[in-house]
Amino acid sequence: MLQVNFIRQNADFVKERLAVKHFSQLNLVDELIALDEKRRKLQFERDELQSRVNAASKEIGNLMKSAKKEEAEALKAEVAAIKIQMDDTSELADLEAAVHGILVQLPNLPAAEVPVGRTPEENVVVREGGVKPVLAAGSKPHWDLVSQYGLIDFELGNKITGSGFPVYKNQGAKLQRALISYFLDYNTAAGYVEYLPPHMVNEASAYGTGQLPDKEGQMYHATADNFYLIPTAEVPVTNIYRDEILNANELPVKMTAYTPCFRREAGSYGKDVRGLNRLHQFDKVEVVQLVHPETSYQVLEEMVLHVEKLLQSLELPYRILRLCGGDMGFTSALTYDFEVYSAAQEKWLEVSSVSNFEAYQTNRMKIRFKDEKGKTQLLHSLNGSSMALPRIVAALLENNQTPEGIKLPKAVQPYFGGEWIK
């Protein structure tokens, strides 16, 4: 969430940066400033009244000591009248609610490095790595391979729950477990502390990371308890430090977690969403950092390298993109996407996003730290997928298929307990 003082003092700049994200309701900035001006004026008036009450209360004590009871009683009546006036806080509360209501509708401002653009085609390729494999004639996409080797049953998932909820079995289930363990070990070896958080969160947690109100329609909602199924481990993990004040020597905070993820926006039928390309439920390992504001962009680059090395260990061709303003998330200031090349589908598949949210999330969650001078400041939060499994699995199966079976990369073999899926 943006800060009101910053918006008020930098209105034109805020509008200019929001336009980079193609945010269409720039009028909300002016509305917020006008409402906040009314709120500040009313708050000033109330503070003035409180000052009068404080001064009068002190004077009443002096009058009583001087045996000037009648004057003291008259002043008490005046104080009582002022307090009645002050007790009516409805207008101030309404203004505060209106200001907050607009604030939560404003996305984070994109950083200066964010490319101008509206569509994914305008994202900037930062670098590429790996070698695209050349598949033999008759090679298959992953949805045929999982059927051939008995790895995943999409129809059974449809029977049990619905479309977008696959059932992994036999070596398919084993591969999921192997990749999750490998990803977690890779992250903890880099200093991330592992968590196993709840898979449902309350409204405050979903609000804190910016899923509410922006993505309310995309989340599964358990209405009886007002809990939300998590769309990513980012939500519960970042909220571990909600309403906390850390010391500077505790930074950075590095966390990782595996969770299933639940998203309603799986889309329509077709090649782009077939098989594992887009699901309602999928597994993902996440990394989250809470850092000093002065180091967050350095940490962002470190997290990008962390994910890049993980992809390199999977021996997959990949590319890294810096997202343009129109393709960025609501809460992000700068995002890098990672894509792997699917040889059988002949297309790039997104497998990770690494983002710096600056103070947008921490302002919502009031995650702060005391600097060396004892001053309290907001931390910066970052997160990244390390990794999301479905499209990684799709690329591993497709790119490594041979007439003898599917050969797994060396890094995964110890976790899987073998070289081959046959």
Protein backbone atom coordinates (compact mmCIF):
# COMPACT_ATOMS: atom_id res chain seq x y z
CA MET A 1 0.00 0.00 0.00
CA LEU A 2 1.29 3.43 -0.92
CA GLN A 3 1.68 6.06 1.80
CA VAL A 4 -0.71 9.02 1.86
CA ASN A 5 1.97 11.57 2.70
CA PHE A 6 4.05 10.51 -0.28
CA ILE A 7 1.05 10.69 -2.62
CA ARG A 8 0.07 14.14 -1.35
CA GLN A 9 3.59 15.50 -1.80
CA ASN A 10 4.24 13.82 -5.17
CA ALA A 11 0.86 13.67 -6.91
CA ASP A 12 2.11 14.23 -10.45
CA PHE A 13 4.92 11.70 -10.05
CA VAL A 14 2.50 9.10 -8.67
CA LYS A 15 0.17 9.58 -11.64
CA GLU A 16 3.07 9.32 -14.09
CA ARG A 17 4.30 6.04 -12.56
CA LEU A 18 0.79 4.57 -12.33
CA ALA A 19 0.34 5.35 -16.02
CA VAL A 20 3.35 3.10 -16.74
CA LYS A 21 1.26 0.26 -15.29
CA HIS A 22 -1.64 1.42 -17.47
CA PHE A 23 -3.72 2.07 -14.38
CA SER A 24 -6.88 3.66 -15.72
CA GLN A 25 -8.27 5.35 -12.59
CA LEU A 26 -5.75 8.14 -12.12
CA ASN A 27 -8.60 10.32 -10.86
CA LEU A 28 -8.43 8.32 -7.62
CA VAL A 29 -5.20 10.12 -6.78
CA ASP A 30 -6.94 13.51 -6.77
CA GLU A 31 -9.94 12.11 -4.91
CA LEU A 32 -7.67 10.67 -2.23
CA ILE A 33 -5.80 13.96 -1.80
CA ALA A 34 -9.07 15.90 -1.47
CA LEU A 35 -10.46 13.47 1.10
CA ASP A 36 -7.21 13.46 3.02
CA GLU A 37 -7.22 17.27 3.10
CA LYS A 38 -10.67 17.18 4.70
CA ARG A 39 -9.48 14.51 7.12
CA ARG A 40 -6.39 16.51 8.10
CA LYS A 41 -8.45 19.68 8.59
CA LEU A 42 -10.94 17.86 10.81
CA GLN A 43 -8.13 16.19 12.73
CA PHE A 44 -6.48 19.59 13.28
CA GLU A 45 -9.76 20.95 14.62
CA ARG A 46 -10.08 18.01 17.01
CA ASP A 47 -6.48 18.45 18.14
CA GLU A 48 -7.21 22.11 18.83
CA LEU A 49 -10.24 21.12 20.91
CA GLN A 50 -8.13 18.60 22.82
CA SER A 51 -5.59 21.31 23.53
CA ARG A 52 -8.36 23.52 24.91
CA VAL A 53 -9.56 20.65 27.11
CA ASN A 54 -6.06 20.01 28.41
CA ALA A 55 -5.46 23.68 29.18
CA ALA A 56 -8.87 24.06 30.81
CA SER A 57 -8.38 20.95 32.94
CA LYS A 58 -5.12 22.37 34.23
CA GLU A 59 -6.80 25.72 34.95
CA ILE A 60 -9.66 23.98 36.79
CA GLY A 61 -7.10 22.44 39.15
CA ASN A 62 -5.56 25.86 39.81
CA LEU A 63 -8.97 27.43 40.44
CA MET A 64 -9.93 24.70 42.90
CA LYS A 65 -6.68 25.22 44.76
CA SER A 66 -7.48 28.94 44.94
CA ALA A 67 -10.99 28.20 46.29
CA LYS A 68 -12.58 29.72 43.18
CA LYS A 69 -15.22 27.03 43.00
CA GLU A 70 -17.77 28.93 40.89
CA GLU A 71 -15.22 29.76 38.20
CA ALA A 72 -13.99 26.16 38.26
CA GLU A 73 -17.54 24.82 37.84
CA ALA A 74 -18.17 27.16 34.90
CA LEU A 75 -14.98 25.97 33.24
CA LYS A 76 -15.99 22.35 33.90
CA ALA A 77 -19.25 22.98 32.05
CA GLU A 78 -17.31 24.45 29.13
CA VAL A 79 -15.02 21.37 29.07
CA ALA A 80 -18.03 19.06 29.16
CA ALA A 81 -19.54 20.83 26.15
CA ILE A 82 -16.28 20.50 24.22
CA LYS A 83 -16.05 16.79 25.07
CA ILE A 84 -19.56 16.23 23.77
CA GLN A 85 -18.47 17.84 20.52
CA MET A 86 -15.36 15.65 20.44
CA ASP A 87 -17.30 12.45 21.15
CA ASP A 88 -18.84 12.62 17.69
CA THR A 89 -16.07 10.88 15.75
CA SER A 90 -18.26 9.56 12.95
CA GLU A 91 -17.21 12.14 10.36
CA LEU A 92 -13.50 11.60 11.00
CA ALA A 93 -13.94 7.82 10.93
CA ASP A 94 -15.85 8.05 7.65
CA LEU A 95 -13.11 10.17 6.09
CA GLU A 96 -10.39 7.80 7.29
CA ALA A 97 -12.32 4.85 5.85
CA ALA A 98 -12.80 6.64 2.53
CA VAL A 99 -9.07 7.45 2.28
CA HIS A 100 -8.16 3.86 3.07
CA GLY A 101 -10.74 2.59 0.59
CA ILE A 102 -8.97 4.46 -2.21
CA LEU A 103 -5.47 3.56 -1.02
CA VAL A 104 -6.11 -0.18 -1.35
CA GLN A 105 -7.24 0.34 -4.96
CA LEU A 106 -3.93 1.92 -6.00
CA PRO A 107 -1.24 -0.51 -7.22
CA ASN A 108 2.40 -0.22 -6.33
CA LEU A 109 4.45 2.25 -8.33
CA PRO A 110 6.75 0.64 -10.91
CA ALA A 111 10.48 1.22 -10.48
CA ALA A 112 12.41 3.35 -12.93
CA GLU A 113 13.87 0.20 -14.54
CA VAL A 114 10.43 -1.09 -15.59
CA PRO A 115 10.07 -1.06 -19.39
CA VAL A 116 7.21 0.89 -20.93
CA GLY A 117 4.72 -1.47 -22.53
CA ARG A 118 1.28 -2.97 -22.21
CA THR A 119 1.50 -6.63 -23.33
CA PRO A 120 3.77 -9.63 -22.65
CA GLU A 121 5.26 -9.16 -26.09
CA GLU A 122 6.80 -5.91 -24.83
CA ASN A 123 8.68 -7.54 -21.95
CA VAL A 124 12.46 -7.27 -22.25
CA VAL A 125 14.60 -10.40 -22.49
CA VAL A 126 17.50 -9.88 -20.10
CA ARG A 127 19.41 -13.06 -20.96
CA GLU A 128 19.03 -16.65 -22.07
CA GLY A 129 20.78 -19.85 -21.08
CA GLY A 130 20.93 -23.53 -21.89
CA VAL A 131 20.49 -25.29 -25.21
CA LYS A 132 17.17 -26.05 -26.84
CA PRO A 133 17.02 -29.78 -27.51
CA VAL A 134 16.25 -31.20 -30.93
CA LEU A 135 13.67 -33.92 -30.47
CA ALA A 136 13.38 -37.00 -32.63
CA ALA A 137 10.47 -37.44 -34.99
CA GLY A 138 7.36 -38.64 -33.18
CA SER A 139 8.20 -36.92 -29.90
CA LYS A 140 5.21 -36.20 -27.70
CA PRO A 141 3.90 -33.32 -25.57
CA HIS A 142 3.77 -33.97 -21.86
CA TRP A 143 0.04 -34.72 -21.75
CA ASP A 144 0.69 -37.76 -23.92
CA LEU A 145 3.88 -38.72 -22.07
CA VAL A 146 2.20 -38.77 -18.65
CA SER A 147 -0.43 -41.10 -20.05
CA GLN A 148 2.18 -43.34 -21.69
CA TYR A 149 4.21 -43.71 -18.49
CA GLY A 150 1.27 -43.61 -16.06
CA LEU A 151 2.47 -40.47 -14.27
CA ILE A 152 -0.62 -38.26 -14.05
CA ASP A 153 -4.34 -38.93 -14.43
CA PHE A 154 -6.20 -35.81 -15.53
CA GLU A 155 -9.52 -37.56 -15.96
CA LEU A 156 -9.39 -39.01 -12.45
CA GLY A 157 -8.75 -35.52 -11.07
CA ASN A 158 -11.72 -34.27 -13.04
CA LYS A 159 -13.85 -37.04 -11.51
CA ILE A 160 -12.73 -36.37 -7.95
CA THR A 161 -12.81 -32.58 -8.07
CA GLY A 162 -12.92 -30.98 -11.50
CA SER A 163 -10.80 -29.71 -14.37
CA GLY A 164 -7.43 -28.36 -13.28
CA PHE A 165 -6.94 -30.78 -10.35
CA PRO A 166 -4.68 -33.58 -11.64
CA VAL A 167 -3.89 -36.79 -9.75
CA TYR A 168 -0.17 -37.66 -9.68
CA LYS A 169 0.62 -41.34 -9.28
CA ASN A 170 3.46 -43.87 -9.31
CA GLN A 171 6.62 -42.25 -10.71
CA GLY A 172 4.71 -39.02 -11.31
CA ALA A 173 4.01 -38.63 -7.58
CA LYS A 174 7.60 -39.65 -6.83
CA LEU A 175 8.93 -36.99 -9.22
CA GLN A 176 6.83 -34.31 -7.51
CA ARG A 177 8.21 -35.30 -4.12
CA ALA A 178 11.75 -35.42 -5.47
CA LEU A 179 11.59 -31.95 -7.01
CA ILE A 180 10.02 -30.41 -3.89
CA SER A 181 12.75 -31.89 -1.68
CA TYR A 182 15.48 -30.79 -4.07
CA PHE A 183 14.16 -27.23 -4.31
CA LEU A 184 13.84 -26.91 -0.53
CA ASP A 185 17.34 -28.28 0.06
CA TYR A 186 18.71 -25.90 -2.58
CA ASN A 187 17.08 -22.94 -0.81
CA THR A 188 18.05 -23.91 2.73
CA ALA A 189 21.65 -24.40 1.59
CA ALA A 190 21.55 -20.73 0.54
CA GLY A 191 20.49 -19.63 4.03
CA TYR A 192 16.71 -19.67 3.73
CA VAL A 193 14.82 -20.95 6.79
CA GLU A 194 12.24 -23.59 5.89
CA TYR A 195 8.61 -23.23 7.01
CA LEU A 196 5.54 -25.39 6.55
CA PRO A 197 2.72 -22.83 6.86
CA PRO A 198 -1.08 -23.24 6.84
CA HIS A 199 -2.69 -23.63 3.43
CA MET A 200 -5.55 -21.29 4.37
CA VAL A 201 -5.24 -17.73 5.64
CA ASN A 202 -7.54 -15.21 7.24
CA GLU A 203 -8.67 -11.99 5.60
CA ALA A 204 -5.99 -9.89 7.29
CA SER A 205 -3.23 -12.08 5.87
CA ALA A 206 -4.67 -12.01 2.33
CA TYR A 207 -5.02 -8.24 2.60
CA GLY A 208 -1.48 -7.86 3.93
CA THR A 209 0.26 -9.24 0.84
CA GLY A 210 -2.14 -7.49 -1.55
CA GLN A 211 -4.27 -10.42 -2.71
CA LEU A 212 -7.27 -8.57 -1.28
CA PRO A 213 -9.04 -6.70 -2.63
CA ASP A 214 -7.18 -6.95 -5.97
CA LYS A 215 -7.50 -10.71 -6.56
CA GLU A 216 -10.56 -11.55 -4.50
CA GLY A 217 -12.33 -13.21 -7.44
CA GLN A 218 -9.30 -15.40 -8.18
CA MET A 219 -9.06 -16.92 -4.69
CA TYR A 220 -11.01 -19.85 -3.28
CA HIS A 221 -12.99 -18.60 -0.31
CA ALA A 222 -14.18 -20.79 2.59
CA THR A 223 -17.08 -18.52 3.42
CA ALA A 224 -18.27 -20.17 6.65
CA ASP A 225 -14.97 -19.33 8.37
CA ASN A 226 -13.93 -16.45 6.10
CA PHE A 227 -10.67 -18.20 5.24
CA TYR A 228 -8.93 -18.10 1.86
CA LEU A 229 -7.02 -20.96 0.23
CA ILE A 230 -3.57 -19.63 -0.52
CA PRO A 231 -2.60 -18.78 -4.12
CA THR A 232 1.09 -19.00 -3.13
CA ALA A 233 3.20 -19.60 -0.01
CA GLU A 234 4.13 -15.91 -0.21
CA VAL A 235 0.90 -15.07 1.62
CA PRO A 236 1.29 -17.04 4.87
CA VAL A 237 5.09 -16.83 4.95
CA THR A 238 5.31 -13.02 4.62
CA ASN A 239 2.59 -12.65 7.26
CA ILE A 240 4.79 -14.44 9.81
CA TYR A 241 6.24 -11.01 10.55
CA ARG A 242 3.02 -8.99 10.33
CA ASP A 243 2.88 -6.30 13.06
CA GLU A 244 6.47 -7.06 14.12
CA ILE A 245 9.40 -4.70 14.66
CA LEU A 246 12.80 -6.23 14.00
CA ASN A 247 16.28 -4.99 14.84
CA ALA A 248 18.63 -4.09 12.02
CA ASN A 249 21.02 -6.88 13.03
CA GLU A 250 18.28 -9.46 12.34
CA LEU A 251 18.23 -8.60 8.63
CA PRO A 252 17.90 -10.01 6.09
CA VAL A 253 15.10 -12.43 6.95
CA LYS A 254 15.19 -15.32 4.45
CA MET A 255 12.32 -17.83 4.33
CA THR A 256 11.33 -20.70 2.07
CA ALA A 257 8.28 -22.96 2.02
CA TYR A 258 6.58 -25.64 -0.02
CA THR A 259 2.80 -25.46 -0.34
CA PRO A 260 0.10 -26.43 -2.76
CA CYS A 261 -1.32 -23.33 -4.44
CA PHE A 262 -4.96 -22.74 -5.33
CA ARG A 263 -6.09 -20.38 -8.10
CA ARG A 264 -9.46 -20.08 -9.75
CA GLU A 265 -8.21 -18.36 -12.92
CA ALA A 266 -7.26 -21.54 -14.78
CA GLY A 267 -8.91 -20.25 -17.96
CA SER A 268 -10.57 -21.97 -20.87
CA TYR A 269 -9.78 -25.13 -22.76
CA GLY A 270 -7.18 -25.21 -25.52
CA LYS A 271 -3.52 -25.86 -26.23
CA ASP A 272 -2.25 -23.04 -23.99
CA VAL A 273 -3.99 -24.49 -20.92
CA ARG A 274 -3.77 -28.17 -21.77
CA GLY A 275 -2.19 -30.69 -19.41
CA LEU A 276 0.06 -29.03 -16.83
CA ASN A 277 0.22 -25.66 -18.55
CA ARG A 278 -2.39 -24.14 -16.26
CA LEU A 279 -4.02 -25.64 -13.17
CA HIS A 280 -6.36 -24.73 -10.32
CA GLN A 281 -4.13 -26.57 -7.83
CA PHE A 282 -0.37 -26.98 -8.17
CA ASP A 283 2.77 -27.38 -6.06
CA LYS A 284 5.32 -24.62 -5.61
CA VAL A 285 8.36 -23.83 -3.49
CA GLU A 286 8.68 -20.15 -2.61
CA VAL A 287 11.45 -17.90 -1.32
CA VAL A 288 10.71 -14.68 0.61
CA GLN A 289 13.04 -12.04 1.97
CA LEU A 290 12.52 -9.06 4.29
CA VAL A 291 15.42 -6.64 3.90
CA HIS A 292 16.74 -3.16 4.63
CA PRO A 293 15.28 -0.65 2.11
CA GLU A 294 18.77 0.35 0.96
CA THR A 295 19.64 -3.20 -0.11
CA SER A 296 16.41 -4.46 -1.68
CA TYR A 297 17.44 -4.06 -5.32
CA GLN A 298 20.78 -5.72 -4.68
CA VAL A 299 18.88 -8.56 -3.01
CA LEU A 300 16.52 -8.74 -5.99
CA GLU A 301 19.45 -9.40 -8.32
CA GLU A 302 20.81 -12.00 -5.89
CA MET A 303 17.44 -13.77 -5.87
CA VAL A 304 17.36 -13.73 -9.68
CA LEU A 305 20.79 -15.39 -9.75
CA HIS A 306 19.61 -17.91 -7.14
CA VAL A 307 16.68 -19.00 -9.32
CA GLU A 308 18.82 -18.92 -12.46
CA LYS A 309 21.37 -21.33 -10.99
CA LEU A 310 18.55 -23.65 -9.96
CA LEU A 311 17.26 -23.70 -13.54
CA GLN A 312 20.77 -24.33 -14.80
CA SER A 313 21.01 -27.37 -12.51
CA LEU A 314 17.84 -28.73 -14.10
CA GLU A 315 19.59 -28.54 -17.49
CA LEU A 316 16.65 -26.70 -19.06
CA PRO A 317 16.89 -23.95 -21.70
CA TYR A 318 15.62 -20.76 -20.10
CA ARG A 319 15.28 -17.04 -20.50
CA ILE A 320 14.83 -14.18 -18.05
CA LEU A 321 12.48 -11.28 -18.81
CA ARG A 322 12.04 -7.91 -17.15
CA LEU A 323 8.29 -7.31 -17.19
CA CYS A 324 6.88 -4.16 -18.73
CA GLY A 325 4.47 -1.96 -16.81
CA GLY A 326 1.32 -3.40 -18.34
CA ASP A 327 2.29 -7.01 -17.56
CA MET A 328 3.32 -6.48 -13.94
CA GLY A 329 1.47 -7.57 -10.85
CA PHE A 330 -0.57 -5.19 -8.71
CA THR A 331 1.86 -5.18 -5.78
CA SER A 332 5.21 -5.34 -7.59
CA ALA A 333 7.71 -2.52 -8.16
CA LEU A 334 9.93 -4.64 -10.42
CA THR A 335 9.49 -8.23 -11.62
CA TYR A 336 11.65 -10.72 -13.48
CA ASP A 337 9.94 -13.72 -15.07
CA PHE A 338 11.71 -16.97 -15.84
CA GLU A 339 10.59 -19.13 -18.75
CA VAL A 340 11.78 -22.56 -19.87
CA TYR A 341 11.57 -23.81 -23.41
CA SER A 342 9.21 -26.70 -24.10
CA ALA A 343 10.62 -28.50 -27.13
CA ALA A 344 7.56 -30.65 -27.81
CA GLN A 345 5.19 -27.68 -27.63
CA GLU A 346 7.72 -25.35 -29.24
CA LYS A 347 6.93 -22.54 -26.80
CA TRP A 348 8.25 -20.78 -23.72
CA LEU A 349 6.57 -21.62 -20.40
CA GLU A 350 6.67 -19.31 -17.37
CA VAL A 351 7.99 -21.15 -14.30
CA SER A 352 8.98 -18.38 -11.87
CA SER A 353 8.57 -14.71 -11.01
CA VAL A 354 10.96 -12.82 -8.74
CA SER A 355 9.69 -9.46 -7.50
CA ASN A 356 10.61 -6.53 -5.29
CA PHE A 357 7.56 -5.04 -3.59
CA GLU A 358 9.57 -2.33 -1.82
CA ALA A 359 7.41 -1.15 1.14
CA TYR A 360 4.05 -1.85 -0.50
CA GLN A 361 3.33 -5.07 1.40
CA THR A 362 5.18 -4.16 4.58
CA ASN A 363 3.16 -0.96 4.91
CA ARG A 364 -0.04 -3.04 4.83
CA MET A 365 1.37 -5.54 7.34
CA LYS A 366 3.28 -3.01 9.45
CA ILE A 367 6.52 -5.00 9.19
CA ARG A 368 9.19 -2.63 10.47
CA PHE A 369 12.70 -2.46 11.87
CA LYS A 370 14.69 -0.18 14.14
CA ASP A 371 17.75 1.25 12.47
CA GLU A 372 21.06 1.96 14.19
CA LYS A 373 19.71 5.29 15.45
CA GLY A 374 16.61 3.68 16.92
CA LYS A 375 14.32 5.06 14.24
CA THR A 376 11.48 2.77 13.10
CA GLN A 377 11.21 2.22 9.34
CA LEU A 378 9.30 -0.05 7.00
CA LEU A 379 11.20 -3.03 5.62
CA HIS A 380 11.16 -4.04 1.95
CA SER A 381 9.74 -7.44 0.96
CA LEU A 382 10.70 -9.64 -1.99
CA ASN A 383 9.59 -13.05 -3.16
CA GLY A 384 10.21 -15.55 -5.90
CA SER A 385 9.14 -18.98 -7.13
CA SER A 386 11.91 -21.49 -6.55
CA MET A 387 10.22 -23.28 -8.30
CA ALA A 388 6.64 -23.79 -9.53
CA LEU A 389 6.41 -27.46 -10.47
CA PRO A 390 3.82 -28.02 -13.23
CA ARG A 391 5.60 -26.41 -16.19
CA ILE A 392 9.01 -27.52 -14.88
CA VAL A 393 7.71 -31.09 -14.98
CA ALA A 394 6.22 -30.52 -18.44
CA ALA A 395 9.56 -29.28 -19.80
CA LEU A 396 11.58 -32.00 -18.06
CA LEU A 397 9.40 -34.72 -19.54
CA GLU A 398 9.24 -33.25 -23.03
CA ASN A 399 12.85 -32.16 -23.41
CA ASN A 400 14.36 -35.37 -22.00
CA GLN A 401 12.24 -37.98 -23.76
CA THR A 402 14.12 -40.73 -25.59
CA PRO A 403 13.12 -44.09 -27.09
CA GLU A 404 14.42 -45.71 -23.86
CA GLY A 405 12.45 -43.47 -21.52
CA ILE A 406 12.78 -40.05 -19.89
CA LYS A 407 16.23 -39.30 -18.48
CA LEU A 408 16.21 -36.97 -15.49
CA PRO A 409 18.89 -34.29 -14.87
CA LYS A 410 21.76 -35.30 -12.58
CA ALA A 411 20.71 -32.93 -9.80
CA VAL A 412 17.32 -34.62 -9.47
CA GLN A 413 18.48 -38.23 -9.74
CA PRO A 414 19.53 -38.69 -6.07
CA TYR A 415 16.14 -37.40 -4.89
CA PHE A 416 14.22 -39.54 -7.39
CA GLY A 417 16.35 -42.59 -6.73
CA GLY A 418 17.33 -43.22 -10.33
CA GLU A 419 18.17 -41.79 -13.75
CA TRP A 420 15.14 -42.82 -15.74
CA ILE A 421 11.37 -42.74 -15.90
CA LYS A 422 10.39 -45.86 -17.82
